[in-house]
């Protein structure tokens, strides 16, 4: 069995869902964005999403 290349395994988004939460209004963007669509904020924090949807 062939494993994944190291560079692929070291990218966090490959194995978990990471989104950006706007620090100004709290809106969550997936995939992450540079500008918040709700308030036009530009400061985000990374948040991990659940592995399963609803």
PDB file of N, CA and C in Angstrom:
ATOM      1  N   UNK A   1       0.837  -1.175   0.000  1.00  0.00           N
ATOM      2  CA  UNK A   1       0.000   0.000   0.000  1.00  0.00           C
ATOM      3  C   UNK A   1       0.884   1.242   0.000  1.00  0.00           C
ATOM      4  N   UNK A   2       0.525   2.210  -0.816  1.00  0.00           N
ATOM      5  CA  UNK A   2       1.292   3.441  -0.922  1.00  0.00           C
ATOM      6  C   UNK A   2       0.639   4.507  -0.052  1.00  0.00           C
ATOM      7  N   UNK A   3       1.443   5.183   0.770  1.00  0.00           N
ATOM      8  CA  UNK A   3       0.928   6.238   1.639  1.00  0.00           C
ATOM      9  C   UNK A   3       0.863   7.578   0.920  1.00  0.00           C
ATOM     10  N   UNK A   4       0.306   8.552   1.586  1.00  0.00           N
ATOM     11  CA  UNK A   4       0.225   9.907   1.039  1.00  0.00           C
ATOM     12  C   UNK A   4       1.589  10.575   1.127  1.00  0.00           C
ATOM     13  N   UNK A   5       1.942  11.389   0.132  1.00  0.00           N
ATOM     14  CA  UNK A   5       3.200  12.125   0.220  1.00  0.00           C
ATOM     15  C   UNK A   5       3.192  13.047   1.440  1.00  0.00           C
ATOM     16  N   UNK A   6       4.362  13.280   1.986  1.00  0.00           N
ATOM     17  CA  UNK A   6       4.478  14.079   3.208  1.00  0.00           C
ATOM     18  C   UNK A   6       3.890  15.482   3.047  1.00  0.00           C
ATOM     19  N   UNK A   7       4.178  16.155   1.936  1.00  0.00           N
ATOM     20  CA  UNK A   7       3.666  17.518   1.754  1.00  0.00           C
ATOM     21  C   UNK A   7       2.139  17.541   1.776  1.00  0.00           C
ATOM     22  N   UNK A   8       1.496  16.480   1.310  1.00  0.00           N
ATOM     23  CA  UNK A   8       0.034  16.383   1.306  1.00  0.00           C
ATOM     24  C   UNK A   8      -0.489  16.204   2.730  1.00  0.00           C
ATOM     25  N   UNK A   9       0.185  15.382   3.519  1.00  0.00           N
ATOM     26  CA  UNK A   9      -0.251  15.108   4.890  1.00  0.00           C
ATOM     27  C   UNK A   9      -0.077  16.303   5.809  1.00  0.00           C
ATOM     28  N   UNK A  10       0.837  17.211   5.496  1.00  0.00           N
ATOM     29  CA  UNK A  10       1.122  18.342   6.370  1.00  0.00           C
ATOM     30  C   UNK A  10       0.194  19.536   6.156  1.00  0.00           C
ATOM     31  N   UNK A  11      -0.716  19.451   5.220  1.00  0.00           N
ATOM     32  CA  UNK A  11      -1.688  20.525   4.995  1.00  0.00           C
ATOM     33  C   UNK A  11      -2.906  20.224   5.858  1.00  0.00           C
ATOM     34  N   UNK A  12      -3.158  21.021   6.924  1.00  0.00           N
ATOM     35  CA  UNK A  12      -4.216  20.705   7.894  1.00  0.00           C
ATOM     36  C   UNK A  12      -5.602  20.545   7.285  1.00  0.00           C
ATOM     37  N   UNK A  13      -5.939  21.339   6.273  1.00  0.00           N
ATOM     38  CA  UNK A  13      -7.269  21.281   5.698  1.00  0.00           C
ATOM     39  C   UNK A  13      -7.553  19.966   4.976  1.00  0.00           C
ATOM     40  N   UNK A  14      -6.552  19.186   4.693  1.00  0.00           N
ATOM     41  CA  UNK A  14      -6.755  17.917   3.996  1.00  0.00           C
ATOM     42  C   UNK A  14      -7.485  16.895   4.865  1.00  0.00           C
ATOM     43  N   UNK A  15      -7.314  16.974   6.177  1.00  0.00           N
ATOM     44  CA  UNK A  15      -7.858  15.949   7.059  1.00  0.00           C
ATOM     45  C   UNK A  15      -8.884  16.465   8.055  1.00  0.00           C
ATOM     46  N   UNK A  16      -9.187  17.752   8.014  1.00  0.00           N
ATOM     47  CA  UNK A  16     -10.255  18.300   8.849  1.00  0.00           C
ATOM     48  C   UNK A  16     -10.810  19.535   8.154  1.00  0.00           C
ATOM     49  N   UNK A  17     -12.060  19.822   8.450  1.00  0.00           N
ATOM     50  CA  UNK A  17     -12.700  20.989   7.850  1.00  0.00           C
ATOM     51  C   UNK A  17     -12.363  22.225   8.670  1.00  0.00           C
ATOM     52  N   UNK A  18     -11.640  23.155   8.078  1.00  0.00           N
ATOM     53  CA  UNK A  18     -11.306  24.404   8.747  1.00  0.00           C
ATOM     54  C   UNK A  18     -11.997  25.546   8.021  1.00  0.00           C
ATOM     55  N   UNK A  19     -12.624  26.399   8.790  1.00  0.00           N
ATOM     56  CA  UNK A  19     -13.322  27.552   8.243  1.00  0.00           C
ATOM     57  C   UNK A  19     -12.765  28.813   8.881  1.00  0.00           C
ATOM     58  N   UNK A  20     -13.187  29.946   8.364  1.00  0.00           N
ATOM     59  CA  UNK A  20     -12.787  31.236   8.922  1.00  0.00           C
ATOM     60  C   UNK A  20     -13.999  31.863   9.598  1.00  0.00           C
ATOM     61  N   UNK A  21     -13.834  32.291  10.852  1.00  0.00           N
ATOM     62  CA  UNK A  21     -14.892  33.000  11.581  1.00  0.00           C
ATOM     63  C   UNK A  21     -14.494  34.471  11.657  1.00  0.00           C
ATOM     64  N   UNK A  22     -15.390  35.327  11.170  1.00  0.00           N
ATOM     65  CA  UNK A  22     -15.138  36.769  11.192  1.00  0.00           C
ATOM     66  C   UNK A  22     -15.074  37.239  12.643  1.00  0.00           C
ATOM     67  N   UNK A  23     -14.040  37.971  12.990  1.00  0.00           N
ATOM     68  CA  UNK A  23     -13.903  38.473  14.364  1.00  0.00           C
ATOM     69  C   UNK A  23     -14.850  39.635  14.645  1.00  0.00           C
ATOM     70  N   UNK A  24     -15.345  40.275  13.612  1.00  0.00           N
ATOM     71  CA  UNK A  24     -16.234  41.417  13.786  1.00  0.00           C
ATOM     72  C   UNK A  24     -17.685  40.981  14.018  1.00  0.00           C
ATOM     73  N   UNK A  25     -18.214  40.079  13.174  1.00  0.00           N
ATOM     74  CA  UNK A  25     -19.631  39.712  13.270  1.00  0.00           C
ATOM     75  C   UNK A  25     -19.874  38.240  13.601  1.00  0.00           C
ATOM     76  N   UNK A  26     -18.848  37.387  13.518  1.00  0.00           N
ATOM     77  CA  UNK A  26     -18.993  35.987  13.878  1.00  0.00           C
ATOM     78  C   UNK A  26     -19.433  35.066  12.755  1.00  0.00           C
ATOM     79  N   UNK A  27     -19.667  35.595  11.554  1.00  0.00           N
ATOM     80  CA  UNK A  27     -20.091  34.755  10.427  1.00  0.00           C
ATOM     81  C   UNK A  27     -18.982  33.772  10.078  1.00  0.00           C
ATOM     82  N   UNK A  28     -19.372  32.526   9.808  1.00  0.00           N
ATOM     83  CA  UNK A  28     -18.418  31.478   9.451  1.00  0.00           C
ATOM     84  C   UNK A  28     -18.417  31.306   7.940  1.00  0.00           C
ATOM     85  N   UNK A  29     -17.212  31.267   7.363  1.00  0.00           N
ATOM     86  CA  UNK A  29     -17.053  31.106   5.919  1.00  0.00           C
ATOM     87  C   UNK A  29     -16.302  29.812   5.627  1.00  0.00           C
ATOM     88  N   UNK A  30     -16.900  28.975   4.785  1.00  0.00           N
ATOM     89  CA  UNK A  30     -16.219  27.781   4.293  1.00  0.00           C
ATOM     90  C   UNK A  30     -16.498  27.681   2.805  1.00  0.00           C
ATOM     91  N   UNK A  31     -15.457  27.698   2.003  1.00  0.00           N
ATOM     92  CA  UNK A  31     -14.053  27.817   2.370  1.00  0.00           C
ATOM     93  C   UNK A  31     -13.726  29.224   2.878  1.00  0.00           C
ATOM     94  N   UNK A  32     -12.588  29.353   3.572  1.00  0.00           N
ATOM     95  CA  UNK A  32     -12.196  30.651   4.119  1.00  0.00           C
ATOM     96  C   UNK A  32     -12.109  31.726   3.032  1.00  0.00           C
ATOM     97  N   UNK A  33     -12.398  32.962   3.425  1.00  0.00           N
ATOM     98  CA  UNK A  33     -12.371  34.100   2.508  1.00  0.00           C
ATOM     99  C   UNK A  33     -11.439  35.177   3.050  1.00  0.00           C
ATOM    100  N   UNK A  34     -11.149  36.157   2.211  1.00  0.00           N
ATOM    101  CA  UNK A  34     -10.328  37.295   2.626  1.00  0.00           C
ATOM    102  C   UNK A  34     -11.168  38.424   3.207  1.00  0.00           C
ATOM    103  N   UNK A  35     -12.442  38.521   2.759  1.00  0.00           N
ATOM    104  CA  UNK A  35     -13.342  39.581   3.202  1.00  0.00           C
ATOM    105  C   UNK A  35     -14.672  38.948   3.600  1.00  0.00           C
ATOM    106  N   UNK A  36     -15.210  39.335   4.747  1.00  0.00           N
ATOM    107  CA  UNK A  36     -16.488  38.813   5.224  1.00  0.00           C
ATOM    108  C   UNK A  36     -17.620  39.320   4.331  1.00  0.00           C
ATOM    109  N   UNK A  37     -18.493  38.425   3.905  1.00  0.00           N
ATOM    110  CA  UNK A  37     -19.610  38.813   3.041  1.00  0.00           C
ATOM    111  C   UNK A  37     -20.714  39.531   3.814  1.00  0.00           C
ATOM    112  N   UNK A  38     -20.721  39.424   5.134  1.00  0.00           N
ATOM    113  CA  UNK A  38     -21.770  40.052   5.939  1.00  0.00           C
ATOM    114  C   UNK A  38     -21.415  41.479   6.359  1.00  0.00           C
ATOM    115  N   UNK A  39     -20.162  41.682   6.802  1.00  0.00           N
ATOM    116  CA  UNK A  39     -19.813  42.999   7.357  1.00  0.00           C
ATOM    117  C   UNK A  39     -18.589  43.630   6.701  1.00  0.00           C
ATOM    118  N   UNK A  40     -18.007  42.939   5.731  1.00  0.00           N
ATOM    119  CA  UNK A  40     -16.797  43.414   5.041  1.00  0.00           C
ATOM    120  C   UNK A  40     -15.567  43.452   5.940  1.00  0.00           C
ATOM    121  N   UNK A  41     -15.617  42.726   7.048  1.00  0.00           N
ATOM    122  CA  UNK A  41     -14.464  42.640   7.931  1.00  0.00           C
ATOM    123  C   UNK A  41     -13.324  41.877   7.278  1.00  0.00           C
ATOM    124  N   UNK A  42     -12.115  42.121   7.738  1.00  0.00           N
ATOM    125  CA  UNK A  42     -10.937  41.469   7.167  1.00  0.00           C
ATOM    126  C   UNK A  42     -10.129  40.686   8.198  1.00  0.00           C
ATOM    127  N   UNK A  43     -10.635  40.600   9.418  1.00  0.00           N
ATOM    128  CA  UNK A  43      -9.931  39.845  10.453  1.00  0.00           C
ATOM    129  C   UNK A  43     -10.713  38.572  10.745  1.00  0.00           C
ATOM    130  N   UNK A  44     -10.024  37.436  10.654  1.00  0.00           N
ATOM    131  CA  UNK A  44     -10.654  36.137  10.845  1.00  0.00           C
ATOM    132  C   UNK A  44      -9.852  35.295  11.818  1.00  0.00           C
ATOM    133  N   UNK A  45     -10.519  34.336  12.426  1.00  0.00           N
ATOM    134  CA  UNK A  45      -9.843  33.316  13.220  1.00  0.00           C
ATOM    135  C   UNK A  45     -10.241  31.970  12.632  1.00  0.00           C
ATOM    136  N   UNK A  46      -9.352  31.014  12.726  1.00  0.00           N
ATOM    137  CA  UNK A  46      -9.615  29.683  12.200  1.00  0.00           C
ATOM    138  C   UNK A  46     -10.473  28.905  13.180  1.00  0.00           C
ATOM    139  N   UNK A  47     -11.471  28.215  12.658  1.00  0.00           N
ATOM    140  CA  UNK A  47     -12.331  27.374  13.482  1.00  0.00           C
ATOM    141  C   UNK A  47     -12.485  26.025  12.791  1.00  0.00           C
ATOM    142  N   UNK A  48     -12.538  24.959  13.559  1.00  0.00           N
ATOM    143  CA  UNK A  48     -12.695  23.617  13.017  1.00  0.00           C
ATOM    144  C   UNK A  48     -14.170  23.256  13.000  1.00  0.00           C
ATOM    145  N   UNK A  49     -14.643  22.771  11.862  1.00  0.00           N
ATOM    146  CA  UNK A  49     -16.038  22.379  11.713  1.00  0.00           C
ATOM    147  C   UNK A  49     -16.220  20.910  12.079  1.00  0.00           C
ATOM    148  N   UNK A  50     -17.455  20.521  12.342  1.00  0.00           N
ATOM    149  CA  UNK A  50     -17.772  19.130  12.669  1.00  0.00           C
ATOM    150  C   UNK A  50     -17.471  18.229  11.471  1.00  0.00           C
ATOM    151  N   UNK A  51     -17.148  16.993  11.735  1.00  0.00           N
ATOM    152  CA  UNK A  51     -16.844  16.041  10.672  1.00  0.00           C
ATOM    153  C   UNK A  51     -18.090  15.579   9.927  1.00  0.00           C
ATOM    154  N   UNK A  52     -19.264  15.733  10.546  1.00  0.00           N
ATOM    155  CA  UNK A  52     -20.514  15.297   9.920  1.00  0.00           C
ATOM    156  C   UNK A  52     -21.467  16.472   9.799  1.00  0.00           C
ATOM    157  N   UNK A  53     -22.225  16.482   8.723  1.00  0.00           N
ATOM    158  CA  UNK A  53     -23.228  17.520   8.523  1.00  0.00           C
ATOM    159  C   UNK A  53     -24.542  17.138   9.172  1.00  0.00           C
ATOM    160  N   UNK A  54     -25.526  17.984   8.990  1.00  0.00           N
ATOM    161  CA  UNK A  54     -26.841  17.711   9.571  1.00  0.00           C
ATOM    162  C   UNK A  54     -27.765  17.106   8.553  1.00  0.00           C
TER     163      UNK A  54
END
